[in-house]
């Protein structure tokens, strides 16, 4: 029997970490979210990405990430891609944060050597 997760991102600790980072550091990480979206646009086109987002964005968004269109688009796209893509994006996001010199201790990996 597979575990039941409450939220779509609970299945992967790295993805959970990225979502928590975005939630807690929206202003600081918005630039990285823009880079993420730009890379996606290069692969699938800005028009396709915008049309997709228009289909999935909530009409009256009440979630924490609905308040900012860039963060909202980033989270919604992460939500619908396959789990292996979610994980790869999460790893790249965390690596980019470290390259930017943002020093933080992951609440999900406190006792793990990284």
PDB file of N, CA and C in Angstrom:
ATOM      1  N   UNK A   1       0.848  -1.181   0.000  1.00  0.00           N
ATOM      2  CA  UNK A   1       0.000   0.000   0.000  1.00  0.00           C
ATOM      3  C   UNK A   1       0.895   1.246   0.000  1.00  0.00           C
ATOM      4  N   UNK A   2       0.650   2.142  -0.920  1.00  0.00           N
ATOM      5  CA  UNK A   2       1.474   3.347  -1.002  1.00  0.00           C
ATOM      6  C   UNK A   2       0.985   4.388   0.004  1.00  0.00           C
ATOM      7  N   UNK A   3       1.916   5.225   0.480  1.00  0.00           N
ATOM      8  CA  UNK A   3       1.527   6.240   1.461  1.00  0.00           C
ATOM      9  C   UNK A   3       0.582   7.272   0.837  1.00  0.00           C
ATOM     10  N   UNK A   4      -0.267   7.837   1.674  1.00  0.00           N
ATOM     11  CA  UNK A   4      -1.196   8.865   1.238  1.00  0.00           C
ATOM     12  C   UNK A   4      -0.638  10.209   1.699  1.00  0.00           C
ATOM     13  N   UNK A   5      -0.528  11.144   0.755  1.00  0.00           N
ATOM     14  CA  UNK A   5       0.023  12.450   1.070  1.00  0.00           C
ATOM     15  C   UNK A   5      -1.097  13.474   1.120  1.00  0.00           C
ATOM     16  N   UNK A   6      -0.965  14.422   2.035  1.00  0.00           N
ATOM     17  CA  UNK A   6      -1.971  15.464   2.155  1.00  0.00           C
ATOM     18  C   UNK A   6      -1.858  16.490   1.041  1.00  0.00           C
ATOM     19  N   UNK A   7      -0.631  16.835   0.674  1.00  0.00           N
ATOM     20  CA  UNK A   7      -0.413  17.859  -0.342  1.00  0.00           C
ATOM     21  C   UNK A   7       0.368  17.250  -1.495  1.00  0.00           C
ATOM     22  N   UNK A   8       0.221  17.827  -2.677  1.00  0.00           N
ATOM     23  CA  UNK A   8       0.830  17.264  -3.879  1.00  0.00           C
ATOM     24  C   UNK A   8       2.346  17.232  -3.808  1.00  0.00           C
ATOM     25  N   UNK A   9       2.967  18.051  -2.975  1.00  0.00           N
ATOM     26  CA  UNK A   9       4.429  18.123  -2.925  1.00  0.00           C
ATOM     27  C   UNK A   9       5.029  17.375  -1.741  1.00  0.00           C
ATOM     28  N   UNK A  10       4.219  16.708  -0.944  1.00  0.00           N
ATOM     29  CA  UNK A  10       4.722  15.980   0.224  1.00  0.00           C
ATOM     30  C   UNK A  10       5.460  14.692  -0.136  1.00  0.00           C
ATOM     31  N   UNK A  11       5.329  14.220  -1.367  1.00  0.00           N
ATOM     32  CA  UNK A  11       5.938  12.943  -1.739  1.00  0.00           C
ATOM     33  C   UNK A  11       7.453  13.029  -1.900  1.00  0.00           C
ATOM     34  N   UNK A  12       7.997  14.245  -2.020  1.00  0.00           N
ATOM     35  CA  UNK A  12       9.434  14.402  -2.273  1.00  0.00           C
ATOM     36  C   UNK A  12       9.999  15.444  -1.312  1.00  0.00           C
ATOM     37  N   UNK A  13      10.911  15.056  -0.423  1.00  0.00           N
ATOM     38  CA  UNK A  13      11.452  16.011   0.556  1.00  0.00           C
ATOM     39  C   UNK A  13      12.119  17.236  -0.081  1.00  0.00           C
ATOM     40  N   UNK A  14      12.774  17.053  -1.218  1.00  0.00           N
ATOM     41  CA  UNK A  14      13.420  18.200  -1.889  1.00  0.00           C
ATOM     42  C   UNK A  14      12.373  19.148  -2.459  1.00  0.00           C
ATOM     43  N   UNK A  15      11.332  18.602  -3.043  1.00  0.00           N
ATOM     44  CA  UNK A  15      10.248  19.427  -3.571  1.00  0.00           C
ATOM     45  C   UNK A  15       9.553  20.167  -2.432  1.00  0.00           C
ATOM     46  N   UNK A  16       9.324  19.481  -1.332  1.00  0.00           N
ATOM     47  CA  UNK A  16       8.749  20.115  -0.143  1.00  0.00           C
ATOM     48  C   UNK A  16       9.629  21.270   0.312  1.00  0.00           C
ATOM     49  N   UNK A  17      10.933  21.054   0.285  1.00  0.00           N
ATOM     50  CA  UNK A  17      11.873  22.101   0.691  1.00  0.00           C
ATOM     51  C   UNK A  17      11.759  23.326  -0.218  1.00  0.00           C
ATOM     52  N   UNK A  18      11.671  23.110  -1.527  1.00  0.00           N
ATOM     53  CA  UNK A  18      11.544  24.223  -2.461  1.00  0.00           C
ATOM     54  C   UNK A  18      10.243  24.986  -2.222  1.00  0.00           C
ATOM     55  N   UNK A  19       9.167  24.273  -2.028  1.00  0.00           N
ATOM     56  CA  UNK A  19       7.874  24.936  -1.789  1.00  0.00           C
ATOM     57  C   UNK A  19       7.943  25.751  -0.507  1.00  0.00           C
ATOM     58  N   UNK A  20       8.555  25.193   0.538  1.00  0.00           N
ATOM     59  CA  UNK A  20       8.684  25.934   1.801  1.00  0.00           C
ATOM     60  C   UNK A  20       9.582  27.159   1.627  1.00  0.00           C
ATOM     61  N   UNK A  21      10.660  27.011   0.863  1.00  0.00           N
ATOM     62  CA  UNK A  21      11.534  28.158   0.598  1.00  0.00           C
ATOM     63  C   UNK A  21      10.783  29.252  -0.156  1.00  0.00           C
ATOM     64  N   UNK A  22      10.042  28.861  -1.172  1.00  0.00           N
ATOM     65  CA  UNK A  22       9.256  29.851  -1.920  1.00  0.00           C
ATOM     66  C   UNK A  22       8.232  30.536  -1.019  1.00  0.00           C
ATOM     67  N   UNK A  23       7.638  29.757  -0.142  1.00  0.00           N
ATOM     68  CA  UNK A  23       6.632  30.321   0.769  1.00  0.00           C
ATOM     69  C   UNK A  23       7.257  31.322   1.738  1.00  0.00           C
ATOM     70  N   UNK A  24       8.413  30.988   2.260  1.00  0.00           N
ATOM     71  CA  UNK A  24       9.028  31.818   3.296  1.00  0.00           C
ATOM     72  C   UNK A  24       9.931  32.928   2.768  1.00  0.00           C
ATOM     73  N   UNK A  25      10.399  32.789   1.530  1.00  0.00           N
ATOM     74  CA  UNK A  25      11.337  33.766   0.972  1.00  0.00           C
ATOM     75  C   UNK A  25      10.891  34.229  -0.416  1.00  0.00           C
ATOM     76  N   UNK A  26       9.597  34.503  -0.571  1.00  0.00           N
ATOM     77  CA  UNK A  26       9.061  34.854  -1.886  1.00  0.00           C
ATOM     78  C   UNK A  26       9.820  36.008  -2.535  1.00  0.00           C
ATOM     79  N   UNK A  27      10.017  37.079  -1.814  1.00  0.00           N
ATOM     80  CA  UNK A  27      10.675  38.245  -2.410  1.00  0.00           C
ATOM     81  C   UNK A  27      12.110  37.936  -2.820  1.00  0.00           C
ATOM     82  N   UNK A  28      12.833  37.235  -1.952  1.00  0.00           N
ATOM     83  CA  UNK A  28      14.229  36.939  -2.224  1.00  0.00           C
ATOM     84  C   UNK A  28      14.400  35.949  -3.380  1.00  0.00           C
ATOM     85  N   UNK A  29      13.431  35.054  -3.561  1.00  0.00           N
ATOM     86  CA  UNK A  29      13.576  33.995  -4.550  1.00  0.00           C
ATOM     87  C   UNK A  29      12.783  34.236  -5.827  1.00  0.00           C
ATOM     88  N   UNK A  30      12.096  35.361  -5.902  1.00  0.00           N
ATOM     89  CA  UNK A  30      11.293  35.638  -7.082  1.00  0.00           C
ATOM     90  C   UNK A  30      12.153  35.659  -8.346  1.00  0.00           C
ATOM     91  N   UNK A  31      13.342  36.221  -8.244  1.00  0.00           N
ATOM     92  CA  UNK A  31      14.243  36.280  -9.398  1.00  0.00           C
ATOM     93  C   UNK A  31      14.573  34.880  -9.912  1.00  0.00           C
ATOM     94  N   UNK A  32      14.773  33.947  -8.989  1.00  0.00           N
ATOM     95  CA  UNK A  32      15.063  32.571  -9.401  1.00  0.00           C
ATOM     96  C   UNK A  32      13.830  31.946 -10.062  1.00  0.00           C
ATOM     97  N   UNK A  33      12.650  32.272  -9.581  1.00  0.00           N
ATOM     98  CA  UNK A  33      11.420  31.776 -10.196  1.00  0.00           C
ATOM     99  C   UNK A  33      11.288  32.308 -11.625  1.00  0.00           C
ATOM    100  N   UNK A  34      11.693  33.546 -11.840  1.00  0.00           N
ATOM    101  CA  UNK A  34      11.656  34.127 -13.182  1.00  0.00           C
ATOM    102  C   UNK A  34      12.605  33.363 -14.108  1.00  0.00           C
ATOM    103  N   UNK A  35      13.790  33.031 -13.623  1.00  0.00           N
ATOM    104  CA  UNK A  35      14.758  32.266 -14.419  1.00  0.00           C
ATOM    105  C   UNK A  35      14.171  30.899 -14.766  1.00  0.00           C
ATOM    106  N   UNK A  36      13.546  30.251 -13.788  1.00  0.00           N
ATOM    107  CA  UNK A  36      12.907  28.952 -14.008  1.00  0.00           C
ATOM    108  C   UNK A  36      11.861  29.060 -15.115  1.00  0.00           C
ATOM    109  N   UNK A  37      11.003  30.074 -15.037  1.00  0.00           N
ATOM    110  CA  UNK A  37       9.959  30.251 -16.049  1.00  0.00           C
ATOM    111  C   UNK A  37      10.558  30.573 -17.415  1.00  0.00           C
ATOM    112  N   UNK A  38      11.615  31.380 -17.439  1.00  0.00           N
ATOM    113  CA  UNK A  38      12.275  31.703 -18.709  1.00  0.00           C
ATOM    114  C   UNK A  38      12.836  30.451 -19.383  1.00  0.00           C
ATOM    115  N   UNK A  39      13.435  29.571 -18.593  1.00  0.00           N
ATOM    116  CA  UNK A  39      13.976  28.326 -19.151  1.00  0.00           C
ATOM    117  C   UNK A  39      12.863  27.456 -19.718  1.00  0.00           C
ATOM    118  N   UNK A  40      11.735  27.414 -19.022  1.00  0.00           N
ATOM    119  CA  UNK A  40      10.600  26.654 -19.542  1.00  0.00           C
ATOM    120  C   UNK A  40      10.073  27.263 -20.834  1.00  0.00           C
ATOM    121  N   UNK A  41       9.997  28.585 -20.864  1.00  0.00           N
ATOM    122  CA  UNK A  41       9.501  29.271 -22.060  1.00  0.00           C
ATOM    123  C   UNK A  41      10.393  28.977 -23.268  1.00  0.00           C
ATOM    124  N   UNK A  42      11.683  28.830 -23.046  1.00  0.00           N
ATOM    125  CA  UNK A  42      12.603  28.510 -24.133  1.00  0.00           C
ATOM    126  C   UNK A  42      12.325  27.119 -24.704  1.00  0.00           C
ATOM    127  N   UNK A  43      11.816  26.233 -23.854  1.00  0.00           N
ATOM    128  CA  UNK A  43      11.559  24.859 -24.289  1.00  0.00           C
ATOM    129  C   UNK A  43      10.173  24.683 -24.908  1.00  0.00           C
ATOM    130  N   UNK A  44       9.174  25.399 -24.377  1.00  0.00           N
ATOM    131  CA  UNK A  44       7.802  25.161 -24.845  1.00  0.00           C
ATOM    132  C   UNK A  44       7.120  26.387 -25.434  1.00  0.00           C
ATOM    133  N   UNK A  45       7.681  27.536 -25.322  1.00  0.00           N
ATOM    134  CA  UNK A  45       7.175  28.838 -25.790  1.00  0.00           C
ATOM    135  C   UNK A  45       6.387  29.551 -24.701  1.00  0.00           C
ATOM    136  N   UNK A  46       6.549  30.846 -24.682  1.00  0.00           N
ATOM    137  CA  UNK A  46       5.874  31.681 -23.689  1.00  0.00           C
ATOM    138  C   UNK A  46       4.367  31.591 -23.852  1.00  0.00           C
ATOM    139  N   UNK A  47       3.900  31.586 -25.097  1.00  0.00           N
ATOM    140  CA  UNK A  47       2.466  31.528 -25.358  1.00  0.00           C
ATOM    141  C   UNK A  47       1.854  30.243 -24.799  1.00  0.00           C
ATOM    142  N   UNK A  48       2.520  29.115 -25.017  1.00  0.00           N
ATOM    143  CA  UNK A  48       2.011  27.835 -24.510  1.00  0.00           C
ATOM    144  C   UNK A  48       1.981  27.837 -22.984  1.00  0.00           C
ATOM    145  N   UNK A  49       3.026  28.375 -22.379  1.00  0.00           N
ATOM    146  CA  UNK A  49       3.088  28.433 -20.924  1.00  0.00           C
ATOM    147  C   UNK A  49       1.991  29.337 -20.365  1.00  0.00           C
ATOM    148  N   UNK A  50       1.776  30.478 -20.982  1.00  0.00           N
ATOM    149  CA  UNK A  50       0.732  31.402 -20.538  1.00  0.00           C
ATOM    150  C   UNK A  50      -0.657  30.793 -20.706  1.00  0.00           C
ATOM    151  N   UNK A  51      -0.886  30.115 -21.830  1.00  0.00           N
ATOM    152  CA  UNK A  51      -2.200  29.469 -22.045  1.00  0.00           C
ATOM    153  C   UNK A  51      -2.432  28.393 -21.000  1.00  0.00           C
ATOM    154  N   UNK A  52      -1.384  27.601 -20.725  1.00  0.00           N
ATOM    155  CA  UNK A  52      -1.512  26.560 -19.703  1.00  0.00           C
ATOM    156  C   UNK A  52      -1.859  27.170 -18.357  1.00  0.00           C
ATOM    157  N   UNK A  53      -1.121  28.210 -17.973  1.00  0.00           N
ATOM    158  CA  UNK A  53      -1.352  28.829 -16.678  1.00  0.00           C
ATOM    159  C   UNK A  53      -2.759  29.411 -16.589  1.00  0.00           C
ATOM    160  N   UNK A  54      -3.238  30.001 -17.677  1.00  0.00           N
ATOM    161  CA  UNK A  54      -4.602  30.539 -17.685  1.00  0.00           C
ATOM    162  C   UNK A  54      -5.643  29.442 -17.430  1.00  0.00           C
ATOM    163  N   UNK A  55      -5.339  28.231 -17.856  1.00  0.00           N
ATOM    164  CA  UNK A  55      -6.261  27.115 -17.634  1.00  0.00           C
ATOM    165  C   UNK A  55      -6.259  26.617 -16.194  1.00  0.00           C
ATOM    166  N   UNK A  56      -5.098  26.665 -15.530  1.00  0.00           N
ATOM    167  CA  UNK A  56      -4.998  26.063 -14.198  1.00  0.00           C
ATOM    168  C   UNK A  56      -5.061  27.058 -13.047  1.00  0.00           C
ATOM    169  N   UNK A  57      -4.880  28.334 -13.329  1.00  0.00           N
ATOM    170  CA  UNK A  57      -4.870  29.280 -12.215  1.00  0.00           C
ATOM    171  C   UNK A  57      -6.273  29.415 -11.623  1.00  0.00           C
ATOM    172  N   UNK A  58      -6.352  29.560 -10.329  1.00  0.00           N
ATOM    173  CA  UNK A  58      -7.662  29.677  -9.683  1.00  0.00           C
ATOM    174  C   UNK A  58      -8.277  31.048  -9.947  1.00  0.00           C
ATOM    175  N   UNK A  59      -9.603  31.074 -10.032  1.00  0.00           N
ATOM    176  CA  UNK A  59     -10.313  32.334 -10.273  1.00  0.00           C
ATOM    177  C   UNK A  59     -10.161  33.256  -9.072  1.00  0.00           C
ATOM    178  N   UNK A  60     -10.434  32.745  -7.906  1.00  0.00           N
ATOM    179  CA  UNK A  60     -10.294  33.516  -6.660  1.00  0.00           C
ATOM    180  C   UNK A  60      -9.285  32.804  -5.780  1.00  0.00           C
ATOM    181  N   UNK A  61      -8.023  32.920  -6.145  1.00  0.00           N
ATOM    182  CA  UNK A  61      -6.981  32.200  -5.419  1.00  0.00           C
ATOM    183  C   UNK A  61      -6.851  32.637  -3.973  1.00  0.00           C
ATOM    184  N   UNK A  62      -6.864  31.662  -3.095  1.00  0.00           N
ATOM    185  CA  UNK A  62      -6.721  31.974  -1.674  1.00  0.00           C
ATOM    186  C   UNK A  62      -5.503  31.292  -1.055  1.00  0.00           C
ATOM    187  N   UNK A  63      -4.719  30.625  -1.901  1.00  0.00           N
ATOM    188  CA  UNK A  63      -3.526  29.966  -1.375  1.00  0.00           C
ATOM    189  C   UNK A  63      -2.403  30.989  -1.254  1.00  0.00           C
ATOM    190  N   UNK A  64      -1.407  30.695  -0.438  1.00  0.00           N
ATOM    191  CA  UNK A  64      -0.329  31.662  -0.201  1.00  0.00           C
ATOM    192  C   UNK A  64       0.359  32.061  -1.499  1.00  0.00           C
ATOM    193  N   UNK A  65       0.497  31.161  -2.444  1.00  0.00           N
ATOM    194  CA  UNK A  65       1.231  31.482  -3.666  1.00  0.00           C
ATOM    195  C   UNK A  65       0.378  32.166  -4.727  1.00  0.00           C
ATOM    196  N   UNK A  66      -0.913  32.282  -4.518  1.00  0.00           N
ATOM    197  CA  UNK A  66      -1.780  32.957  -5.483  1.00  0.00           C
ATOM    198  C   UNK A  66      -1.644  34.476  -5.439  1.00  0.00           C
ATOM    199  N   UNK A  67      -0.995  34.988  -4.410  1.00  0.00           N
ATOM    200  CA  UNK A  67      -0.876  36.442  -4.248  1.00  0.00           C
ATOM    201  C   UNK A  67       0.120  37.066  -5.226  1.00  0.00           C
ATOM    202  N   UNK A  68       1.059  36.292  -5.735  1.00  0.00           N
ATOM    203  CA  UNK A  68       2.073  36.794  -6.656  1.00  0.00           C
ATOM    204  C   UNK A  68       2.020  35.966  -7.938  1.00  0.00           C
ATOM    205  N   UNK A  69       1.806  36.603  -9.099  1.00  0.00           N
ATOM    206  CA  UNK A  69       1.651  35.825 -10.332  1.00  0.00           C
ATOM    207  C   UNK A  69       2.881  35.010 -10.728  1.00  0.00           C
ATOM    208  N   UNK A  70       4.070  35.481 -10.435  1.00  0.00           N
ATOM    209  CA  UNK A  70       5.280  34.728 -10.788  1.00  0.00           C
ATOM    210  C   UNK A  70       5.414  33.485  -9.915  1.00  0.00           C
ATOM    211  N   UNK A  71       5.248  33.659  -8.620  1.00  0.00           N
ATOM    212  CA  UNK A  71       5.334  32.512  -7.707  1.00  0.00           C
ATOM    213  C   UNK A  71       4.192  31.541  -8.002  1.00  0.00           C
ATOM    214  N   UNK A  72       3.014  32.064  -8.257  1.00  0.00           N
ATOM    215  CA  UNK A  72       1.855  31.221  -8.556  1.00  0.00           C
ATOM    216  C   UNK A  72       2.091  30.385  -9.804  1.00  0.00           C
ATOM    217  N   UNK A  73       2.595  31.009 -10.854  1.00  0.00           N
ATOM    218  CA  UNK A  73       2.856  30.288 -12.103  1.00  0.00           C
ATOM    219  C   UNK A  73       3.918  29.214 -11.871  1.00  0.00           C
ATOM    220  N   UNK A  74       4.957  29.544 -11.119  1.00  0.00           N
ATOM    221  CA  UNK A  74       6.029  28.588 -10.825  1.00  0.00           C
ATOM    222  C   UNK A  74       5.484  27.376 -10.074  1.00  0.00           C
ATOM    223  N   UNK A  75       4.702  27.614  -9.030  1.00  0.00           N
ATOM    224  CA  UNK A  75       4.171  26.517  -8.219  1.00  0.00           C
ATOM    225  C   UNK A  75       3.179  25.687  -9.027  1.00  0.00           C
ATOM    226  N   UNK A  76       2.318  26.321  -9.789  1.00  0.00           N
ATOM    227  CA  UNK A  76       1.332  25.576 -10.579  1.00  0.00           C
ATOM    228  C   UNK A  76       2.010  24.689 -11.614  1.00  0.00           C
ATOM    229  N   UNK A  77       3.050  25.176 -12.241  1.00  0.00           N
ATOM    230  CA  UNK A  77       3.762  24.364 -13.230  1.00  0.00           C
ATOM    231  C   UNK A  77       4.461  23.196 -12.538  1.00  0.00           C
ATOM    232  N   UNK A  78       5.089  23.460 -11.401  1.00  0.00           N
ATOM    233  CA  UNK A  78       5.710  22.361 -10.650  1.00  0.00           C
ATOM    234  C   UNK A  78       4.667  21.321 -10.243  1.00  0.00           C
ATOM    235  N   UNK A  79       3.468  21.777  -9.951  1.00  0.00           N
ATOM    236  CA  UNK A  79       2.398  20.875  -9.488  1.00  0.00           C
ATOM    237  C   UNK A  79       2.007  19.854 -10.559  1.00  0.00           C
ATOM    238  N   UNK A  80       2.032  20.244 -11.829  1.00  0.00           N
ATOM    239  CA  UNK A  80       1.478  19.368 -12.858  1.00  0.00           C
ATOM    240  C   UNK A  80       2.510  18.567 -13.646  1.00  0.00           C
ATOM    241  N   UNK A  81       3.803  18.870 -13.497  1.00  0.00           N
ATOM    242  CA  UNK A  81       4.798  18.085 -14.226  1.00  0.00           C
ATOM    243  C   UNK A  81       4.991  16.739 -13.524  1.00  0.00           C
ATOM    244  N   UNK A  82       5.516  15.748 -14.239  1.00  0.00           N
ATOM    245  CA  UNK A  82       5.733  14.427 -13.635  1.00  0.00           C
ATOM    246  C   UNK A  82       6.674  14.498 -12.427  1.00  0.00           C
ATOM    247  N   UNK A  83       6.524  13.552 -11.486  1.00  0.00           N
ATOM    248  CA  UNK A  83       7.354  13.548 -10.268  1.00  0.00           C
ATOM    249  C   UNK A  83       8.854  13.604 -10.528  1.00  0.00           C
ATOM    250  N   UNK A  84       9.343  12.925 -11.560  1.00  0.00           N
ATOM    251  CA  UNK A  84      10.787  12.955 -11.818  1.00  0.00           C
ATOM    252  C   UNK A  84      11.236  14.344 -12.266  1.00  0.00           C
ATOM    253  N   UNK A  85      10.372  15.066 -12.956  1.00  0.00           N
ATOM    254  CA  UNK A  85      10.687  16.439 -13.355  1.00  0.00           C
ATOM    255  C   UNK A  85      10.622  17.355 -12.133  1.00  0.00           C
ATOM    256  N   UNK A  86       9.632  17.138 -11.274  1.00  0.00           N
ATOM    257  CA  UNK A  86       9.537  17.908 -10.028  1.00  0.00           C
ATOM    258  C   UNK A  86      10.828  17.777  -9.232  1.00  0.00           C
ATOM    259  N   UNK A  87      11.309  16.552  -9.090  1.00  0.00           N
ATOM    260  CA  UNK A  87      12.508  16.302  -8.293  1.00  0.00           C
ATOM    261  C   UNK A  87      13.736  16.970  -8.927  1.00  0.00           C
ATOM    262  N   UNK A  88      13.871  16.823 -10.233  1.00  0.00           N
ATOM    263  CA  UNK A  88      15.022  17.434 -10.926  1.00  0.00           C
ATOM    264  C   UNK A  88      14.979  18.953 -10.779  1.00  0.00           C
ATOM    265  N   UNK A  89      13.812  19.541 -10.934  1.00  0.00           N
ATOM    266  CA  UNK A  89      13.674  21.001 -10.769  1.00  0.00           C
ATOM    267  C   UNK A  89      14.015  21.414  -9.343  1.00  0.00           C
ATOM    268  N   UNK A  90      13.547  20.633  -8.376  1.00  0.00           N
ATOM    269  CA  UNK A  90      13.820  20.946  -6.968  1.00  0.00           C
ATOM    270  C   UNK A  90      15.320  20.911  -6.690  1.00  0.00           C
ATOM    271  N   UNK A  91      16.001  19.885  -7.201  1.00  0.00           N
ATOM    272  CA  UNK A  91      17.450  19.797  -6.979  1.00  0.00           C
ATOM    273  C   UNK A  91      18.178  20.982  -7.606  1.00  0.00           C
ATOM    274  N   UNK A  92      17.782  21.357  -8.826  1.00  0.00           N
ATOM    275  CA  UNK A  92      18.426  22.494  -9.495  1.00  0.00           C
ATOM    276  C   UNK A  92      18.151  23.797  -8.753  1.00  0.00           C
ATOM    277  N   UNK A  93      16.940  23.938  -8.257  1.00  0.00           N
ATOM    278  CA  UNK A  93      16.558  25.137  -7.524  1.00  0.00           C
ATOM    279  C   UNK A  93      17.418  25.282  -6.261  1.00  0.00           C
ATOM    280  N   UNK A  94      17.561  24.202  -5.523  1.00  0.00           N
ATOM    281  CA  UNK A  94      18.355  24.223  -4.287  1.00  0.00           C
ATOM    282  C   UNK A  94      19.828  24.498  -4.606  1.00  0.00           C
ATOM    283  N   UNK A  95      20.337  23.885  -5.667  1.00  0.00           N
ATOM    284  CA  UNK A  95      21.733  24.134  -6.063  1.00  0.00           C
ATOM    285  C   UNK A  95      21.920  25.600  -6.448  1.00  0.00           C
ATOM    286  N   UNK A  96      20.967  26.176  -7.155  1.00  0.00           N
ATOM    287  CA  UNK A  96      21.060  27.581  -7.558  1.00  0.00           C
ATOM    288  C   UNK A  96      21.034  28.508  -6.349  1.00  0.00           C
ATOM    289  N   UNK A  97      20.251  28.170  -5.356  1.00  0.00           N
ATOM    290  CA  UNK A  97      20.193  28.976  -4.132  1.00  0.00           C
ATOM    291  C   UNK A  97      21.564  28.980  -3.454  1.00  0.00           C
ATOM    292  N   UNK A  98      22.191  27.817  -3.407  1.00  0.00           N
ATOM    293  CA  UNK A  98      23.523  27.734  -2.808  1.00  0.00           C
ATOM    294  C   UNK A  98      24.533  28.535  -3.621  1.00  0.00           C
ATOM    295  N   UNK A  99      24.426  28.460  -4.963  1.00  0.00           N
ATOM    296  CA  UNK A  99      25.331  29.224  -5.828  1.00  0.00           C
ATOM    297  C   UNK A  99      25.132  30.726  -5.648  1.00  0.00           C
ATOM    298  N   UNK A 100      23.915  31.137  -5.331  1.00  0.00           N
ATOM    299  CA  UNK A 100      23.622  32.553  -5.108  1.00  0.00           C
ATOM    300  C   UNK A 100      24.188  33.038  -3.775  1.00  0.00           C
ATOM    301  N   UNK A 101      24.653  32.073  -2.956  1.00  0.00           N
ATOM    302  CA  UNK A 101      25.225  32.442  -1.673  1.00  0.00           C
ATOM    303  C   UNK A 101      24.204  32.542  -0.558  1.00  0.00           C
ATOM    304  N   UNK A 102      22.996  32.057  -0.827  1.00  0.00           N
ATOM    305  CA  UNK A 102      21.972  32.066   0.219  1.00  0.00           C
ATOM    306  C   UNK A 102      22.250  30.883   1.128  1.00  0.00           C
ATOM    307  N   UNK A 103      22.550  31.185   2.368  1.00  0.00           N
ATOM    308  CA  UNK A 103      22.891  30.155   3.339  1.00  0.00           C
ATOM    309  C   UNK A 103      21.677  29.897   4.219  1.00  0.00           C
ATOM    310  N   UNK A 104      21.213  28.695   4.223  1.00  0.00           N
ATOM    311  CA  UNK A 104      20.089  28.331   5.061  1.00  0.00           C
ATOM    312  C   UNK A 104      20.265  26.881   5.462  1.00  0.00           C
ATOM    313  N   UNK A 105      19.591  26.508   6.529  1.00  0.00           N
ATOM    314  CA  UNK A 105      19.607  25.112   6.957  1.00  0.00           C
ATOM    315  C   UNK A 105      18.245  24.535   6.665  1.00  0.00           C
ATOM    316  N   UNK A 106      18.230  23.491   5.883  1.00  0.00           N
ATOM    317  CA  UNK A 106      16.968  22.874   5.506  1.00  0.00           C
ATOM    318  C   UNK A 106      16.305  22.239   6.726  1.00  0.00           C
ATOM    319  N   UNK A 107      15.046  22.553   6.967  1.00  0.00           N
ATOM    320  CA  UNK A 107      14.340  21.901   8.063  1.00  0.00           C
ATOM    321  C   UNK A 107      14.082  20.430   7.769  1.00  0.00           C
ATOM    322  N   UNK A 108      14.164  20.033   6.500  1.00  0.00           N
ATOM    323  CA  UNK A 108      13.880  18.661   6.102  1.00  0.00           C
ATOM    324  C   UNK A 108      15.104  17.759   6.147  1.00  0.00           C
ATOM    325  N   UNK A 109      16.301  18.353   6.200  1.00  0.00           N
ATOM    326  CA  UNK A 109      17.525  17.555   6.136  1.00  0.00           C
ATOM    327  C   UNK A 109      18.519  17.953   7.237  1.00  0.00           C
ATOM    328  N   UNK A 110      18.034  18.305   8.399  1.00  0.00           N
ATOM    329  CA  UNK A 110      18.912  18.802   9.477  1.00  0.00           C
ATOM    330  C   UNK A 110      20.003  17.827   9.866  1.00  0.00           C
ATOM    331  N   UNK A 111      19.668  16.553   9.917  1.00  0.00           N
ATOM    332  CA  UNK A 111      20.636  15.579  10.409  1.00  0.00           C
ATOM    333  C   UNK A 111      21.332  14.835   9.281  1.00  0.00           C
ATOM    334  N   UNK A 112      21.101  15.246   8.077  1.00  0.00           N
ATOM    335  CA  UNK A 112      21.653  14.547   6.937  1.00  0.00           C
ATOM    336  C   UNK A 112      22.873  15.298   6.408  1.00  0.00           C
ATOM    337  N   UNK A 113      23.914  14.583   6.069  1.00  0.00           N
ATOM    338  CA  UNK A 113      25.085  15.224   5.444  1.00  0.00           C
ATOM    339  C   UNK A 113      24.706  15.561   4.013  1.00  0.00           C
ATOM    340  N   UNK A 114      24.979  16.822   3.614  1.00  0.00           N
ATOM    341  CA  UNK A 114      24.581  17.244   2.282  1.00  0.00           C
ATOM    342  C   UNK A 114      25.779  17.571   1.448  1.00  0.00           C
TER     343      UNK A 114
END
